[in-house]
């Protein structure tokens, strides 16, 4: 999944063309879903969405798709605002799904991770602490640790572990 510059880098890497846009874009935009795809298949209140409110922040844009890629979404200032490979799980989004300004952004990221990549979310905050403690015990063994505790977040977390 290439996001913003990542989409541009992906397009360039696979033979597409990237060029400066007519103007820099920063702010809200409407993404028009041009073609069905696993990634942009979002249903809200029983209806499949045809548009998404998203957040753009870019100066360049993909002008020509690489071979075997198709446009799956466009906006007023970015005719190719979302793309996908025809047979591989390669997707590019010119907008930023990771920010709260993009509606359904976290859902899009979740779809990519879980449905497209097949990854399972098996970790929890408790697992993270457990893994960190295990790693520290394996690293330190029977030795001692000298810790300078400043009272800041980082050193306090290390001390707690």
N, C-alpha and C. Protein backbone atom coordinates (compact mmCIF):
# COMPACT_ATOMS: atom_id res chain seq x y z
N UNK A 1 0.86 -1.18 0.00
CA UNK A 1 0.00 0.00 0.00
C UNK A 1 0.89 1.23 0.00
N UNK A 2 0.85 1.99 -1.08
CA UNK A 2 1.59 3.24 -1.16
C UNK A 2 0.66 4.39 -0.86
N UNK A 3 1.02 5.20 0.13
CA UNK A 3 0.20 6.34 0.53
C UNK A 3 0.92 7.62 0.15
N UNK A 4 0.23 8.51 -0.55
CA UNK A 4 0.72 9.81 -0.99
C UNK A 4 2.01 9.64 -1.80
N UNK A 5 3.15 10.06 -1.26
CA UNK A 5 4.40 9.89 -2.00
C UNK A 5 4.66 8.41 -2.30
N UNK A 6 4.19 7.53 -1.43
CA UNK A 6 4.34 6.09 -1.66
C UNK A 6 3.63 5.64 -2.92
N UNK A 7 2.47 6.23 -3.21
CA UNK A 7 1.76 5.91 -4.45
C UNK A 7 2.56 6.42 -5.64
N UNK A 8 3.10 7.62 -5.52
CA UNK A 8 3.90 8.19 -6.60
C UNK A 8 5.15 7.35 -6.84
N UNK A 9 5.81 6.94 -5.77
CA UNK A 9 7.02 6.11 -5.90
C UNK A 9 6.68 4.76 -6.54
N UNK A 10 5.54 4.18 -6.15
CA UNK A 10 5.11 2.91 -6.73
C UNK A 10 4.85 3.08 -8.23
N UNK A 11 4.14 4.13 -8.58
CA UNK A 11 3.84 4.37 -10.00
C UNK A 11 5.13 4.51 -10.80
N UNK A 12 6.05 5.30 -10.30
CA UNK A 12 7.33 5.52 -10.99
C UNK A 12 8.12 4.22 -11.10
N UNK A 13 8.18 3.46 -10.02
CA UNK A 13 8.93 2.20 -9.98
C UNK A 13 8.44 1.21 -11.04
N UNK A 14 7.13 1.20 -11.27
CA UNK A 14 6.57 0.23 -12.20
C UNK A 14 6.33 0.81 -13.60
N UNK A 15 6.90 1.99 -13.88
CA UNK A 15 6.86 2.52 -15.24
C UNK A 15 5.83 3.59 -15.51
N UNK A 16 5.15 4.07 -14.49
CA UNK A 16 4.19 5.15 -14.68
C UNK A 16 4.89 6.49 -14.72
N UNK A 17 4.11 7.54 -14.82
CA UNK A 17 4.68 8.89 -14.86
C UNK A 17 4.12 9.73 -13.73
N UNK A 18 5.02 10.46 -13.07
CA UNK A 18 4.65 11.37 -11.98
C UNK A 18 5.11 12.76 -12.39
N UNK A 19 4.28 13.76 -12.18
CA UNK A 19 4.63 15.13 -12.53
C UNK A 19 4.05 16.09 -11.50
N UNK A 20 4.55 17.31 -11.53
CA UNK A 20 4.02 18.34 -10.65
C UNK A 20 2.57 18.61 -11.01
N UNK A 21 1.74 18.72 -10.00
CA UNK A 21 0.34 19.04 -10.23
C UNK A 21 0.19 20.50 -10.61
N UNK A 22 -1.01 20.90 -10.99
CA UNK A 22 -1.26 22.29 -11.35
C UNK A 22 -1.05 23.21 -10.15
N UNK A 23 -1.32 22.70 -8.97
CA UNK A 23 -1.06 23.43 -7.73
C UNK A 23 -0.96 22.43 -6.58
N UNK A 24 -0.31 22.86 -5.50
CA UNK A 24 -0.20 21.99 -4.32
C UNK A 24 -1.59 21.83 -3.71
N UNK A 25 -1.85 20.64 -3.23
CA UNK A 25 -3.16 20.38 -2.64
C UNK A 25 -2.98 20.03 -1.17
N UNK A 26 -3.69 20.75 -0.31
CA UNK A 26 -3.66 20.47 1.12
C UNK A 26 -5.05 20.74 1.66
N UNK A 27 -5.72 19.67 2.05
CA UNK A 27 -7.04 19.84 2.63
C UNK A 27 -8.01 18.76 2.21
N UNK A 28 -9.27 19.04 2.51
CA UNK A 28 -10.33 18.08 2.24
C UNK A 28 -10.58 17.95 0.74
N UNK A 29 -10.91 16.74 0.33
CA UNK A 29 -11.23 16.47 -1.07
C UNK A 29 -12.26 15.34 -1.11
N UNK A 30 -12.94 15.24 -2.22
CA UNK A 30 -13.89 14.15 -2.42
C UNK A 30 -13.27 13.15 -3.37
N UNK A 31 -13.13 11.92 -2.91
CA UNK A 31 -12.63 10.84 -3.75
C UNK A 31 -13.84 10.17 -4.40
N UNK A 32 -13.86 10.16 -5.71
CA UNK A 32 -14.91 9.46 -6.46
C UNK A 32 -14.40 8.06 -6.75
N UNK A 33 -15.13 7.05 -6.31
CA UNK A 33 -14.73 5.67 -6.55
C UNK A 33 -15.09 5.33 -7.99
N UNK A 34 -14.05 5.11 -8.80
CA UNK A 34 -14.21 4.91 -10.24
C UNK A 34 -14.44 3.46 -10.63
N UNK A 35 -13.90 2.56 -9.83
CA UNK A 35 -13.97 1.14 -10.16
C UNK A 35 -14.01 0.34 -8.87
N UNK A 36 -14.74 -0.75 -8.87
CA UNK A 36 -14.80 -1.60 -7.67
C UNK A 36 -13.42 -2.18 -7.37
N UNK A 37 -13.14 -2.26 -6.09
CA UNK A 37 -11.90 -2.88 -5.64
C UNK A 37 -12.12 -3.37 -4.22
N UNK A 38 -11.34 -4.33 -3.81
CA UNK A 38 -11.45 -4.82 -2.43
C UNK A 38 -11.17 -3.71 -1.43
N UNK A 39 -10.22 -2.83 -1.76
CA UNK A 39 -9.82 -1.80 -0.81
C UNK A 39 -10.90 -0.72 -0.63
N UNK A 40 -11.47 -0.23 -1.71
CA UNK A 40 -12.44 0.86 -1.61
C UNK A 40 -13.88 0.39 -1.52
N UNK A 41 -14.08 -0.88 -1.25
CA UNK A 41 -15.43 -1.43 -1.09
C UNK A 41 -15.91 -1.13 0.33
N UNK A 42 -16.51 0.04 0.51
CA UNK A 42 -16.96 0.49 1.83
C UNK A 42 -18.48 0.59 1.82
N UNK A 43 -19.10 -0.04 2.80
CA UNK A 43 -20.55 0.04 2.96
C UNK A 43 -20.84 0.82 4.24
N UNK A 44 -21.74 1.79 4.14
CA UNK A 44 -22.11 2.61 5.30
C UNK A 44 -23.62 2.71 5.34
N UNK A 45 -24.19 2.36 6.48
CA UNK A 45 -25.64 2.38 6.68
C UNK A 45 -26.36 1.62 5.56
N UNK A 46 -25.82 0.47 5.21
CA UNK A 46 -26.44 -0.42 4.24
C UNK A 46 -26.23 -0.07 2.78
N UNK A 47 -25.52 1.01 2.50
CA UNK A 47 -25.30 1.42 1.11
C UNK A 47 -23.81 1.42 0.78
N UNK A 48 -23.49 0.93 -0.40
CA UNK A 48 -22.11 0.95 -0.87
C UNK A 48 -21.76 2.39 -1.26
N UNK A 49 -20.66 2.90 -0.70
CA UNK A 49 -20.28 4.28 -0.96
C UNK A 49 -19.67 4.43 -2.35
N UNK A 50 -20.01 5.55 -3.00
CA UNK A 50 -19.46 5.88 -4.31
C UNK A 50 -18.47 7.03 -4.22
N UNK A 51 -18.46 7.69 -3.05
CA UNK A 51 -17.53 8.78 -2.79
C UNK A 51 -17.07 8.70 -1.34
N UNK A 52 -15.86 9.20 -1.10
CA UNK A 52 -15.32 9.28 0.25
C UNK A 52 -14.77 10.68 0.47
N UNK A 53 -14.97 11.22 1.66
CA UNK A 53 -14.33 12.48 2.03
C UNK A 53 -12.95 12.14 2.57
N UNK A 54 -11.92 12.68 1.92
CA UNK A 54 -10.54 12.32 2.26
C UNK A 54 -9.70 13.57 2.45
N UNK A 55 -8.47 13.36 2.94
CA UNK A 55 -7.54 14.45 3.17
C UNK A 55 -6.35 14.30 2.23
N UNK A 56 -6.10 15.34 1.45
CA UNK A 56 -4.98 15.35 0.50
C UNK A 56 -3.88 16.27 1.01
N UNK A 57 -2.65 15.94 0.69
CA UNK A 57 -1.50 16.79 0.99
C UNK A 57 -0.37 16.41 0.04
N UNK A 58 -0.34 17.06 -1.12
CA UNK A 58 0.67 16.70 -2.12
C UNK A 58 0.84 17.83 -3.13
N UNK A 59 1.98 17.80 -3.81
CA UNK A 59 2.25 18.75 -4.89
C UNK A 59 2.34 18.04 -6.22
N UNK A 60 2.88 16.83 -6.21
CA UNK A 60 2.99 16.03 -7.43
C UNK A 60 1.82 15.07 -7.50
N UNK A 61 1.66 14.47 -8.68
CA UNK A 61 0.59 13.49 -8.84
C UNK A 61 0.96 12.50 -9.94
N UNK A 62 0.30 11.36 -9.92
CA UNK A 62 0.50 10.35 -10.95
C UNK A 62 -0.24 10.84 -12.20
N UNK A 63 0.51 10.97 -13.29
CA UNK A 63 -0.07 11.43 -14.56
C UNK A 63 -0.41 10.26 -15.49
N UNK A 64 0.39 9.20 -15.40
CA UNK A 64 0.16 8.03 -16.26
C UNK A 64 0.36 6.78 -15.42
N UNK A 65 -0.61 5.89 -15.47
CA UNK A 65 -0.53 4.65 -14.70
C UNK A 65 0.53 3.72 -15.27
N UNK A 66 1.16 2.95 -14.40
CA UNK A 66 2.07 1.90 -14.90
C UNK A 66 1.25 0.81 -15.59
N UNK A 67 1.93 0.02 -16.38
CA UNK A 67 1.28 -1.12 -17.04
C UNK A 67 0.68 -2.04 -15.98
N UNK A 68 -0.48 -2.57 -16.24
CA UNK A 68 -1.21 -3.49 -15.37
C UNK A 68 -1.83 -2.83 -14.13
N UNK A 69 -1.82 -1.52 -14.06
CA UNK A 69 -2.49 -0.79 -12.98
C UNK A 69 -3.74 -0.13 -13.55
N UNK A 70 -4.76 0.01 -12.71
CA UNK A 70 -5.98 0.71 -13.11
C UNK A 70 -6.32 1.77 -12.07
N UNK A 71 -6.98 2.81 -12.52
CA UNK A 71 -7.44 3.87 -11.62
C UNK A 71 -8.71 3.40 -10.94
N UNK A 72 -8.72 3.46 -9.62
CA UNK A 72 -9.92 3.07 -8.88
C UNK A 72 -10.58 4.25 -8.17
N UNK A 73 -9.91 5.41 -8.20
CA UNK A 73 -10.48 6.59 -7.57
C UNK A 73 -9.87 7.87 -8.10
N UNK A 74 -10.68 8.92 -8.16
CA UNK A 74 -10.19 10.21 -8.65
C UNK A 74 -10.75 11.32 -7.78
N UNK A 75 -10.13 12.49 -7.90
CA UNK A 75 -10.65 13.68 -7.23
C UNK A 75 -10.55 14.84 -8.22
N UNK A 76 -11.07 15.96 -7.83
CA UNK A 76 -11.08 17.12 -8.73
C UNK A 76 -9.66 17.50 -9.17
N UNK A 77 -8.69 17.44 -8.27
CA UNK A 77 -7.33 17.85 -8.60
C UNK A 77 -6.37 16.70 -8.88
N UNK A 78 -6.83 15.48 -8.69
CA UNK A 78 -5.98 14.31 -8.93
C UNK A 78 -6.79 13.28 -9.71
N UNK A 79 -6.71 13.31 -11.04
CA UNK A 79 -7.48 12.34 -11.84
C UNK A 79 -7.17 10.89 -11.49
N UNK A 80 -5.95 10.64 -11.01
CA UNK A 80 -5.59 9.31 -10.52
C UNK A 80 -5.28 9.47 -9.04
N UNK A 81 -6.30 9.34 -8.20
CA UNK A 81 -6.13 9.52 -6.76
C UNK A 81 -6.07 8.20 -6.01
N UNK A 82 -6.37 7.11 -6.70
CA UNK A 82 -6.25 5.77 -6.13
C UNK A 82 -6.05 4.80 -7.29
N UNK A 83 -5.16 3.84 -7.09
CA UNK A 83 -4.86 2.88 -8.16
C UNK A 83 -4.64 1.50 -7.56
N UNK A 84 -4.75 0.50 -8.42
CA UNK A 84 -4.46 -0.87 -7.98
C UNK A 84 -3.89 -1.64 -9.15
N UNK A 85 -3.11 -2.65 -8.82
CA UNK A 85 -2.60 -3.58 -9.83
C UNK A 85 -3.73 -4.52 -10.20
N UNK A 86 -3.76 -4.94 -11.46
CA UNK A 86 -4.85 -5.79 -11.93
C UNK A 86 -4.86 -7.18 -11.29
N UNK A 87 -3.68 -7.70 -10.90
CA UNK A 87 -3.65 -9.07 -10.38
C UNK A 87 -2.88 -9.23 -9.07
N UNK A 88 -2.09 -8.25 -8.70
CA UNK A 88 -1.30 -8.34 -7.47
C UNK A 88 -1.90 -7.42 -6.41
N UNK A 89 -1.62 -7.66 -5.14
CA UNK A 89 -2.21 -6.83 -4.08
C UNK A 89 -1.45 -5.51 -3.88
N UNK A 90 -1.23 -4.78 -4.97
CA UNK A 90 -0.55 -3.49 -4.93
C UNK A 90 -1.59 -2.38 -5.08
N UNK A 91 -1.65 -1.51 -4.09
CA UNK A 91 -2.60 -0.40 -4.11
C UNK A 91 -1.86 0.90 -3.83
N UNK A 92 -2.34 1.98 -4.40
CA UNK A 92 -1.80 3.30 -4.13
C UNK A 92 -2.92 4.27 -3.84
N UNK A 93 -2.74 5.10 -2.83
CA UNK A 93 -3.72 6.12 -2.46
C UNK A 93 -3.01 7.47 -2.41
N UNK A 94 -3.49 8.44 -3.15
CA UNK A 94 -2.89 9.77 -3.12
C UNK A 94 -3.27 10.51 -1.84
N UNK A 95 -4.36 10.11 -1.23
CA UNK A 95 -4.82 10.76 0.00
C UNK A 95 -4.25 10.05 1.23
N UNK A 96 -4.56 10.59 2.39
CA UNK A 96 -4.02 10.09 3.66
C UNK A 96 -5.11 9.41 4.48
N UNK A 97 -5.22 8.07 4.40
CA UNK A 97 -6.24 7.38 5.19
C UNK A 97 -5.92 7.36 6.68
N UNK A 98 -4.67 7.62 7.03
CA UNK A 98 -4.24 7.51 8.42
C UNK A 98 -4.65 8.70 9.28
N UNK A 99 -5.13 9.78 8.67
CA UNK A 99 -5.52 10.95 9.46
C UNK A 99 -7.03 10.93 9.72
N UNK A 100 -7.44 11.56 10.80
CA UNK A 100 -8.85 11.52 11.17
C UNK A 100 -9.73 12.27 10.18
N UNK A 101 -9.15 13.15 9.38
CA UNK A 101 -9.94 13.91 8.40
C UNK A 101 -10.46 13.02 7.27
N UNK A 102 -9.83 11.88 7.04
CA UNK A 102 -10.28 10.96 5.99
C UNK A 102 -11.32 10.01 6.56
N UNK A 103 -12.56 10.16 6.10
CA UNK A 103 -13.62 9.27 6.56
C UNK A 103 -13.30 7.84 6.16
N UNK A 104 -13.53 6.93 7.05
CA UNK A 104 -13.33 5.50 6.81
C UNK A 104 -11.86 5.15 6.55
N UNK A 105 -10.96 6.06 6.90
CA UNK A 105 -9.53 5.82 6.68
C UNK A 105 -9.01 4.61 7.43
N UNK A 106 -9.38 4.51 8.70
CA UNK A 106 -8.92 3.35 9.48
C UNK A 106 -9.53 2.07 8.95
N UNK A 107 -10.76 2.14 8.45
CA UNK A 107 -11.39 0.97 7.84
C UNK A 107 -10.62 0.54 6.59
N UNK A 108 -10.19 1.51 5.79
CA UNK A 108 -9.40 1.20 4.59
C UNK A 108 -8.08 0.52 4.98
N UNK A 109 -7.41 1.06 5.98
CA UNK A 109 -6.15 0.46 6.43
C UNK A 109 -6.39 -0.94 6.97
N UNK A 110 -7.46 -1.12 7.73
CA UNK A 110 -7.81 -2.44 8.25
C UNK A 110 -8.11 -3.42 7.14
N UNK A 111 -8.84 -2.97 6.12
CA UNK A 111 -9.14 -3.84 4.97
C UNK A 111 -7.84 -4.30 4.30
N UNK A 112 -6.91 -3.36 4.13
CA UNK A 112 -5.66 -3.72 3.48
C UNK A 112 -4.89 -4.76 4.31
N UNK A 113 -4.75 -4.48 5.58
CA UNK A 113 -3.97 -5.37 6.46
C UNK A 113 -4.63 -6.74 6.61
N UNK A 114 -5.94 -6.76 6.90
CA UNK A 114 -6.60 -8.02 7.22
C UNK A 114 -7.14 -8.76 6.01
N UNK A 115 -7.86 -8.08 5.14
CA UNK A 115 -8.51 -8.76 4.02
C UNK A 115 -7.58 -8.97 2.83
N UNK A 116 -6.83 -7.94 2.48
CA UNK A 116 -5.97 -8.05 1.29
C UNK A 116 -4.68 -8.79 1.61
N UNK A 117 -4.04 -8.43 2.72
CA UNK A 117 -2.77 -9.08 3.10
C UNK A 117 -2.98 -10.34 3.93
N UNK A 118 -4.16 -10.52 4.51
CA UNK A 118 -4.45 -11.72 5.29
C UNK A 118 -3.79 -11.76 6.65
N UNK A 119 -3.40 -10.60 7.18
CA UNK A 119 -2.75 -10.54 8.48
C UNK A 119 -3.80 -10.63 9.60
N UNK A 120 -3.42 -11.26 10.68
CA UNK A 120 -4.29 -11.39 11.85
C UNK A 120 -3.83 -10.40 12.92
N UNK A 121 -4.77 -9.76 13.58
CA UNK A 121 -4.44 -8.86 14.70
C UNK A 121 -4.48 -9.67 15.98
N UNK A 122 -3.37 -10.26 16.32
CA UNK A 122 -3.34 -11.13 17.49
C UNK A 122 -2.67 -10.47 18.70
N UNK A 123 -2.13 -9.27 18.54
CA UNK A 123 -1.48 -8.64 19.67
C UNK A 123 -2.42 -7.66 20.36
N UNK A 124 -2.14 -7.47 21.64
CA UNK A 124 -2.89 -6.53 22.46
C UNK A 124 -1.87 -5.73 23.26
N UNK A 125 -2.28 -4.65 23.92
CA UNK A 125 -1.33 -3.93 24.76
C UNK A 125 -0.67 -4.84 25.80
N UNK A 126 -1.42 -5.79 26.34
CA UNK A 126 -0.85 -6.72 27.32
C UNK A 126 0.24 -7.58 26.67
N UNK A 127 0.00 -8.04 25.44
CA UNK A 127 1.00 -8.84 24.73
C UNK A 127 2.27 -8.04 24.47
N UNK A 128 2.11 -6.76 24.16
CA UNK A 128 3.27 -5.92 23.89
C UNK A 128 4.14 -5.83 25.13
N UNK A 129 3.53 -5.59 26.28
CA UNK A 129 4.28 -5.52 27.54
C UNK A 129 4.94 -6.86 27.83
N UNK A 130 4.19 -7.93 27.67
CA UNK A 130 4.72 -9.27 27.92
C UNK A 130 5.93 -9.56 27.03
N UNK A 131 5.83 -9.23 25.76
CA UNK A 131 6.95 -9.45 24.83
C UNK A 131 8.15 -8.58 25.19
N UNK A 132 7.90 -7.32 25.60
CA UNK A 132 9.00 -6.43 25.96
C UNK A 132 9.72 -6.96 27.20
N UNK A 133 8.97 -7.38 28.20
CA UNK A 133 9.58 -7.93 29.43
C UNK A 133 10.39 -9.18 29.10
N UNK A 134 9.85 -10.05 28.27
CA UNK A 134 10.56 -11.28 27.87
C UNK A 134 11.87 -10.94 27.17
N UNK A 135 11.83 -9.99 26.25
CA UNK A 135 13.04 -9.59 25.52
C UNK A 135 14.08 -9.01 26.46
N UNK A 136 13.63 -8.17 27.39
CA UNK A 136 14.57 -7.58 28.36
C UNK A 136 15.20 -8.67 29.22
N UNK A 137 14.39 -9.61 29.69
CA UNK A 137 14.93 -10.70 30.52
C UNK A 137 15.94 -11.54 29.74
N UNK A 138 15.65 -11.80 28.47
CA UNK A 138 16.58 -12.58 27.64
C UNK A 138 17.88 -11.81 27.41
N UNK A 139 17.77 -10.49 27.23
CA UNK A 139 18.95 -9.66 26.97
C UNK A 139 19.79 -9.48 28.23
N UNK A 140 19.14 -9.18 29.34
CA UNK A 140 19.85 -8.89 30.59
C UNK A 140 20.31 -10.16 31.29
N UNK A 141 19.49 -11.20 31.22
CA UNK A 141 19.85 -12.44 31.91
C UNK A 141 19.93 -12.22 33.40
N UNK A 142 21.03 -12.68 34.03
CA UNK A 142 21.23 -12.52 35.47
C UNK A 142 21.99 -11.26 35.82
N UNK A 143 22.30 -10.45 34.82
CA UNK A 143 23.03 -9.20 35.07
C UNK A 143 22.11 -8.16 35.69
N UNK A 144 22.69 -7.03 36.04
CA UNK A 144 21.93 -5.92 36.60
C UNK A 144 21.81 -4.81 35.56
N UNK A 145 20.83 -3.94 35.76
CA UNK A 145 20.63 -2.81 34.85
C UNK A 145 20.78 -1.52 35.64
N UNK A 146 21.57 -0.61 35.11
CA UNK A 146 21.71 0.72 35.69
C UNK A 146 20.89 1.66 34.82
N UNK A 147 19.88 2.29 35.41
CA UNK A 147 18.96 3.13 34.65
C UNK A 147 18.94 4.53 35.21
N UNK A 148 19.17 5.50 34.34
CA UNK A 148 19.02 6.90 34.71
C UNK A 148 17.56 7.29 34.51
N UNK A 149 16.86 7.59 35.59
CA UNK A 149 15.43 7.89 35.52
C UNK A 149 15.23 9.40 35.60
N UNK A 150 14.84 10.00 34.48
CA UNK A 150 14.66 11.45 34.43
C UNK A 150 13.27 11.88 34.89
N UNK A 151 12.34 10.95 34.87
CA UNK A 151 10.96 11.30 35.17
C UNK A 151 10.15 11.53 33.90
N UNK A 152 10.82 11.50 32.76
CA UNK A 152 10.12 11.62 31.48
C UNK A 152 9.44 10.32 31.12
N UNK A 153 8.67 10.35 30.06
CA UNK A 153 7.90 9.18 29.65
C UNK A 153 8.80 8.00 29.30
N UNK A 154 9.82 8.24 28.47
CA UNK A 154 10.66 7.13 28.00
C UNK A 154 11.35 6.39 29.14
N UNK A 155 12.04 7.13 30.00
CA UNK A 155 12.76 6.44 31.08
C UNK A 155 11.80 5.85 32.10
N UNK A 156 10.64 6.45 32.30
CA UNK A 156 9.65 5.90 33.22
C UNK A 156 9.09 4.58 32.71
N UNK A 157 8.85 4.48 31.40
CA UNK A 157 8.36 3.23 30.82
C UNK A 157 9.43 2.15 30.95
N UNK A 158 10.68 2.50 30.66
CA UNK A 158 11.77 1.52 30.80
C UNK A 158 11.86 1.04 32.24
N UNK A 159 11.75 1.96 33.20
CA UNK A 159 11.81 1.57 34.61
C UNK A 159 10.65 0.65 34.97
N UNK A 160 9.46 0.93 34.45
CA UNK A 160 8.29 0.09 34.75
C UNK A 160 8.46 -1.31 34.18
N UNK A 161 9.06 -1.41 33.01
CA UNK A 161 9.28 -2.73 32.41
C UNK A 161 10.32 -3.49 33.21
